[in-house]
Amino acid sequence: MTTLHQWLHLFAVQVSETTFWEWAAVILGIAEVLLAKINNIWLYPAGVAGTIISIYILMIAGLYAESVLSVYYIVMSVYGWIHWITRRNAPPVKISWATPKEWVITVLIVVIGWVIFYVLLKKFTTSNVPVWDAWVTSTAWAGMWLLARRKMENWVLLNISNLFAIPLLCYKHLILFAALTLFLFIVAIFGYFDWRAIWKKENDADLTLTH
């Protein structure tokens, strides 16, 4: 009971010390997820604004690899925004499972990305968590690559990243960011099962057409 009380006290203290910009980034992050859920184009400006603020906060916290990851998020958000406008009525790419070749590429993104980020963080930054930060970023990059290709396994890689990001953010006293990441972790679990249901429905429909 004492330990639980200590954890709750620590949580309350960290929340009370949370800055305006941290609150803004988290609120915009939640707005992006909720707008994405209802398929609303405003998810992109909300995501871009929230990510720009996040880069500033993560740089101050010394999470340099995650800052780079956030820059990638901005690029992909702008791309998605333009793609939405230009091809809104086009049929979406069907959900599928990763092929063995795609799994090889996924593993290479994780391993090579992890090594590169670790070396860069160790040699050129003051990061005190280079291994951890590099791992969170490389697994997220692999997950986003699979997501862009509409592969089921993207949820697995993204949640591996989220799972390690939560304690890392707590360690850096970014308690609201950790709470947001936990929220994203839960959303990704539901996303996996939603996608699997869609894949099964589409696969059954294709089988019906071939018979």
Protein backbone atom coordinates (compact mmCIF):
# COMPACT_ATOMS: atom_id res chain seq x y z
CA MET A 1 0.00 0.00 0.00
CA THR A 2 2.88 2.34 0.85
CA THR A 3 4.48 1.74 -2.54
CA LEU A 4 1.17 2.49 -4.30
CA HIS A 5 0.83 5.68 -2.28
CA GLN A 6 4.36 6.71 -3.24
CA TRP A 7 3.67 6.09 -6.92
CA LEU A 8 0.43 8.10 -6.78
CA HIS A 9 2.22 10.92 -4.98
CA LEU A 10 5.00 10.90 -7.59
CA PHE A 11 2.40 10.95 -10.38
CA ALA A 12 0.59 13.90 -8.77
CA VAL A 13 3.84 15.82 -8.33
CA GLN A 14 4.91 15.26 -11.92
CA VAL A 15 1.51 16.26 -13.27
CA SER A 16 1.62 19.46 -11.21
CA GLU A 17 5.03 20.25 -12.71
CA THR A 18 3.87 19.63 -16.28
CA THR A 19 4.34 22.69 -18.49
CA PHE A 20 1.75 24.40 -20.68
CA TRP A 21 3.49 23.12 -23.82
CA GLU A 22 3.42 19.52 -22.60
CA TRP A 23 -0.31 19.80 -21.99
CA ALA A 24 -0.78 21.35 -25.44
CA ALA A 25 1.19 18.56 -27.16
CA VAL A 26 -0.74 15.83 -25.35
CA ILE A 27 -4.15 17.42 -26.02
CA LEU A 28 -3.31 17.79 -29.72
CA GLY A 29 -2.07 14.17 -29.78
CA ILE A 30 -5.35 12.92 -28.32
CA ALA A 31 -7.29 15.12 -30.77
CA GLU A 32 -5.32 13.60 -33.67
CA VAL A 33 -6.18 10.04 -32.60
CA LEU A 34 -9.88 10.84 -32.08
CA LEU A 35 -10.09 12.66 -35.43
CA ALA A 36 -8.40 9.71 -37.13
CA LYS A 37 -10.94 7.37 -35.57
CA ILE A 38 -13.81 9.30 -37.22
CA ASN A 39 -11.84 9.69 -40.47
CA ASN A 40 -11.66 13.50 -40.27
CA ILE A 41 -9.02 15.38 -42.30
CA TRP A 42 -8.34 17.76 -39.38
CA LEU A 43 -6.31 14.94 -37.82
CA TYR A 44 -3.34 16.11 -39.94
CA PRO A 45 -3.08 19.76 -38.80
CA ALA A 46 -3.66 18.63 -35.21
CA GLY A 47 -0.91 16.03 -35.58
CA VAL A 48 1.56 18.45 -37.18
CA ALA A 49 0.99 21.12 -34.50
CA GLY A 50 1.30 18.60 -31.67
CA THR A 51 4.46 17.07 -33.13
CA ILE A 52 6.20 20.43 -33.59
CA ILE A 53 5.65 21.15 -29.90
CA SER A 54 6.79 17.61 -29.02
CA ILE A 55 10.11 18.08 -30.85
CA TYR A 56 10.90 21.10 -28.66
CA ILE A 57 9.99 19.22 -25.47
CA LEU A 58 11.87 16.04 -26.41
CA MET A 59 15.01 18.00 -27.31
CA ILE A 60 14.99 19.67 -23.89
CA ALA A 61 14.54 16.25 -22.24
CA GLY A 62 17.52 14.87 -24.17
CA LEU A 63 15.51 12.36 -26.21
CA TYR A 64 17.22 13.23 -29.48
CA ALA A 65 16.32 10.11 -31.45
CA GLU A 66 12.65 10.55 -30.61
CA SER A 67 12.96 14.15 -31.78
CA VAL A 68 14.20 12.90 -35.14
CA LEU A 69 11.33 10.43 -35.17
CA SER A 70 8.94 13.34 -34.62
CA VAL A 71 10.37 15.15 -37.66
CA TYR A 72 9.57 12.02 -39.66
CA TYR A 73 6.03 12.11 -38.24
CA ILE A 74 5.63 15.66 -39.56
CA VAL A 75 6.83 14.69 -43.04
CA MET A 76 4.46 11.71 -43.13
CA SER A 77 1.57 13.82 -41.81
CA VAL A 78 2.06 16.42 -44.54
CA TYR A 79 2.30 13.63 -47.12
CA GLY A 80 -0.86 12.01 -45.75
CA TRP A 81 -2.67 15.37 -45.75
CA ILE A 82 -1.83 15.98 -49.43
CA HIS A 83 -2.58 12.36 -50.32
CA TRP A 84 -5.99 12.61 -48.60
CA ILE A 85 -6.93 15.73 -50.59
CA THR A 86 -5.74 14.43 -53.96
CA ARG A 87 -6.95 10.82 -53.69
CA ARG A 88 -9.78 10.95 -51.18
CA ASN A 89 -12.20 9.01 -53.40
CA ALA A 90 -9.66 6.45 -54.60
CA PRO A 91 -10.00 2.87 -53.28
CA PRO A 92 -7.67 2.19 -50.31
CA VAL A 93 -4.81 -0.28 -50.44
CA LYS A 94 -6.04 -3.57 -49.01
CA ILE A 95 -4.82 -4.78 -45.64
CA SER A 96 -2.49 -7.80 -45.83
CA TRP A 97 0.12 -9.71 -43.86
CA ALA A 98 3.83 -9.06 -44.37
CA THR A 99 5.66 -11.36 -46.77
CA PRO A 100 8.95 -13.02 -45.77
CA LYS A 101 10.80 -10.38 -47.82
CA GLU A 102 8.97 -7.59 -46.00
CA TRP A 103 9.83 -9.21 -42.66
CA VAL A 104 13.51 -9.21 -43.63
CA ILE A 105 13.27 -5.50 -44.47
CA THR A 106 11.45 -4.85 -41.19
CA VAL A 107 14.17 -6.57 -39.15
CA LEU A 108 16.86 -4.68 -41.07
CA ILE A 109 15.14 -1.35 -40.35
CA VAL A 110 15.05 -2.21 -36.64
CA VAL A 111 18.62 -3.51 -36.35
CA ILE A 112 20.38 -1.04 -38.66
CA GLY A 113 18.29 1.86 -37.36
CA TRP A 114 19.07 0.89 -33.77
CA VAL A 115 22.83 0.75 -34.43
CA ILE A 116 22.91 4.01 -36.40
CA PHE A 117 20.86 5.95 -33.86
CA TYR A 118 22.90 4.52 -30.98
CA VAL A 119 26.20 5.56 -32.56
CA LEU A 120 24.90 9.04 -33.40
CA LEU A 121 23.47 9.55 -29.91
CA LYS A 122 26.63 8.23 -28.23
CA LYS A 123 29.09 10.20 -30.34
CA PHE A 124 27.32 13.48 -31.00
CA THR A 125 24.81 14.10 -28.20
CA THR A 126 24.66 14.25 -24.42
CA SER A 127 21.99 11.52 -24.24
CA ASN A 128 22.19 9.34 -21.13
CA VAL A 129 19.84 6.73 -22.65
CA PRO A 130 21.25 6.12 -26.15
CA VAL A 131 20.41 2.39 -26.30
CA TRP A 132 16.86 2.87 -25.05
CA ASP A 133 16.12 5.96 -27.15
CA ALA A 134 17.54 4.35 -30.31
CA TRP A 135 15.48 1.18 -29.76
CA VAL A 136 12.18 3.07 -29.33
CA THR A 137 12.87 5.05 -32.50
CA SER A 138 14.02 2.17 -34.72
CA THR A 139 11.04 -0.05 -33.83
CA ALA A 140 8.66 2.87 -34.46
CA TRP A 141 10.23 3.49 -37.88
CA ALA A 142 9.77 -0.16 -38.78
CA GLY A 143 6.16 -0.02 -37.62
CA MET A 144 5.46 3.09 -39.70
CA TRP A 145 6.99 1.44 -42.77
CA LEU A 146 4.62 -1.50 -42.33
CA LEU A 147 1.72 0.88 -41.69
CA ALA A 148 2.41 2.71 -44.96
CA ARG A 149 2.18 -0.65 -46.74
CA ARG A 150 -1.04 -1.54 -44.88
CA LYS A 151 0.52 -4.58 -43.21
CA MET A 152 -1.14 -6.12 -40.15
CA GLU A 153 2.16 -6.41 -38.29
CA ASN A 154 2.55 -2.63 -38.10
CA TRP A 155 0.54 -2.68 -34.87
CA VAL A 156 2.96 -5.18 -33.32
CA LEU A 157 6.05 -3.08 -34.09
CA LEU A 158 4.40 0.16 -33.04
CA ASN A 159 3.37 -1.37 -29.73
CA ILE A 160 6.85 -2.74 -29.10
CA SER A 161 8.02 0.86 -29.49
CA ASN A 162 5.22 2.15 -27.24
CA LEU A 163 5.95 -0.47 -24.59
CA PHE A 164 9.55 0.69 -24.22
CA ALA A 165 8.68 4.38 -24.67
CA ILE A 166 6.36 4.50 -21.63
CA PRO A 167 9.04 3.83 -18.96
CA LEU A 168 11.55 5.94 -20.92
CA LEU A 169 9.23 8.94 -20.83
CA CYS A 170 8.54 8.36 -17.12
CA TYR A 171 12.29 8.28 -16.51
CA LYS A 172 12.57 11.65 -18.25
CA HIS A 173 9.68 12.99 -16.10
CA LEU A 174 7.41 13.45 -19.13
CA ILE A 175 4.49 11.90 -17.31
CA LEU A 176 1.76 13.20 -19.65
CA PHE A 177 3.67 11.98 -22.69
CA ALA A 178 3.91 8.58 -21.00
CA ALA A 179 0.14 8.63 -20.38
CA LEU A 180 -0.46 9.55 -24.04
CA THR A 181 1.79 6.70 -25.16
CA LEU A 182 -0.13 4.29 -22.93
CA PHE A 183 -3.32 5.54 -24.59
CA LEU A 184 -1.77 4.92 -28.02
CA PHE A 185 -0.69 1.45 -26.87
CA ILE A 186 -4.31 0.59 -26.05
CA VAL A 187 -5.56 2.11 -29.32
CA ALA A 188 -3.04 0.01 -31.26
CA ILE A 189 -4.36 -3.19 -29.65
CA PHE A 190 -7.87 -2.33 -30.84
CA GLY A 191 -6.41 -1.28 -34.21
CA TYR A 192 -4.87 -4.72 -34.66
CA PHE A 193 -8.17 -6.53 -34.06
CA ASP A 194 -10.11 -4.03 -36.20
CA TRP A 195 -7.68 -4.54 -39.08
CA ARG A 196 -7.80 -8.31 -38.67
CA ALA A 197 -11.60 -8.21 -38.93
CA ILE A 198 -11.37 -6.06 -42.08
CA TRP A 199 -8.73 -8.38 -43.58
CA LYS A 200 -10.87 -11.46 -42.86
CA LYS A 201 -13.94 -9.81 -44.41
CA GLU A 202 -12.02 -8.80 -47.55
CA ASN A 203 -10.35 -12.20 -47.78
CA ASP A 204 -13.70 -14.03 -47.47
CA ALA A 205 -15.14 -11.75 -50.16
CA ASP A 206 -12.23 -12.52 -52.51
CA LEU A 207 -12.66 -16.26 -51.92
CA THR A 208 -16.37 -15.96 -52.71
CA LEU A 209 -15.61 -14.19 -56.02
CA THR A 210 -13.17 -16.92 -57.07
CA HIS A 211 -15.73 -19.68 -56.58
